[in-house]
Amino acid sequence: MSEEQEQPEVPTAAATEGPERQLYPEDQAKVDAFLKRGVNSVERKPFKPLYLLVMLIVVVGGLSLFSQWLAHQAGVY
């Protein structure tokens, strides 16, 4: 055996994935059908973080006022 004997290259994860890797047409059809059904095809409204913040402040404020009223009714204050 010579020292210059070539070893077969083992494909890495990066070599086996990527845009150059193609599926058989029947497998691609299955993937396309899966992506078009269920949760993958649901249209969603854009996320509004300001709306979430306002709703959080309203709910926490409402619960705070309710707890103050409840404490006043129980005679704690």
Protein backbone atom coordinates (compact mmCIF):
# COMPACT_ATOMS: atom_id res chain seq x y z
CA MET A 1 0.00 0.00 0.00
CA SER A 2 1.37 3.35 -0.96
CA GLU A 3 1.33 6.43 1.18
CA GLU A 4 -0.44 8.37 -1.56
CA GLN A 5 -3.44 6.07 -1.64
CA GLU A 6 -6.57 8.19 -1.99
CA GLN A 7 -9.34 7.86 0.52
CA PRO A 8 -12.91 8.15 -0.74
CA GLU A 9 -14.47 11.48 0.17
CA VAL A 10 -17.21 11.32 2.75
CA PRO A 11 -19.96 13.83 1.96
CA THR A 12 -20.54 16.38 4.68
CA ALA A 13 -23.92 17.75 5.70
CA ALA A 14 -23.25 20.92 3.70
CA ALA A 15 -22.42 18.88 0.60
CA THR A 16 -25.62 16.84 0.76
CA GLU A 17 -27.92 19.81 1.36
CA GLY A 18 -28.47 22.85 -0.76
CA PRO A 19 -30.11 24.12 -3.90
CA GLU A 20 -28.27 21.70 -6.20
CA ARG A 21 -29.91 18.68 -4.55
CA GLN A 22 -33.07 17.65 -6.40
CA LEU A 23 -35.89 15.31 -5.44
CA TYR A 24 -37.54 12.80 -7.69
CA PRO A 25 -40.70 14.30 -9.25
CA GLU A 26 -43.06 12.07 -7.25
CA ASP A 27 -41.27 13.00 -3.99
CA GLN A 28 -41.36 16.69 -4.89
CA ALA A 29 -45.11 16.37 -5.57
CA LYS A 30 -45.59 14.88 -2.09
CA VAL A 31 -43.62 17.74 -0.52
CA ASP A 32 -45.60 20.34 -2.46
CA ALA A 33 -48.90 18.73 -1.46
CA PHE A 34 -47.87 18.72 2.21
CA LEU A 35 -46.85 22.37 2.12
CA LYS A 36 -50.22 23.38 0.65
CA ARG A 37 -52.35 21.82 3.40
CA GLY A 38 -52.89 22.34 7.11
CA VAL A 39 -51.03 24.94 9.12
CA ASN A 40 -48.55 25.54 6.32
CA SER A 41 -51.14 27.26 4.12
CA VAL A 42 -52.90 29.45 6.69
CA GLU A 43 -52.79 33.14 5.89
CA ARG A 44 -52.03 35.16 9.00
CA LYS A 45 -52.28 38.83 9.81
CA PRO A 46 -48.98 40.59 10.44
CA PHE A 47 -47.80 40.56 14.04
CA LYS A 48 -48.44 43.86 15.85
CA PRO A 49 -46.26 44.18 18.96
CA LEU A 50 -47.70 47.60 19.88
CA TYR A 51 -51.22 46.12 19.97
CA LEU A 52 -49.96 43.32 22.21
CA LEU A 53 -48.35 45.86 24.57
CA VAL A 54 -51.54 47.94 24.77
CA MET A 55 -53.66 44.86 25.45
CA LEU A 56 -51.24 43.72 28.15
CA ILE A 57 -51.40 47.13 29.86
CA VAL A 58 -55.22 47.14 29.67
CA VAL A 59 -55.53 43.64 31.14
CA VAL A 60 -53.00 44.23 33.93
CA GLY A 61 -54.55 47.61 34.72
CA GLY A 62 -58.04 46.09 34.80
CA LEU A 63 -56.94 43.32 37.14
CA SER A 64 -55.21 45.88 39.37
CA LEU A 65 -58.35 48.03 39.60
CA PHE A 66 -60.44 44.96 40.32
CA SER A 67 -58.10 43.88 43.12
CA GLN A 68 -58.18 47.41 44.63
CA TRP A 69 -61.98 47.42 44.52
CA LEU A 70 -62.12 43.93 46.03
CA ALA A 71 -59.77 44.95 48.84
CA HIS A 72 -61.88 48.06 49.51
CA GLN A 73 -65.07 45.96 49.64
CA ALA A 74 -63.45 43.52 52.07
CA GLY A 75 -62.44 46.36 54.37
CA VAL A 76 -58.68 45.96 53.94
CA TYR A 77 -58.36 49.67 53.06
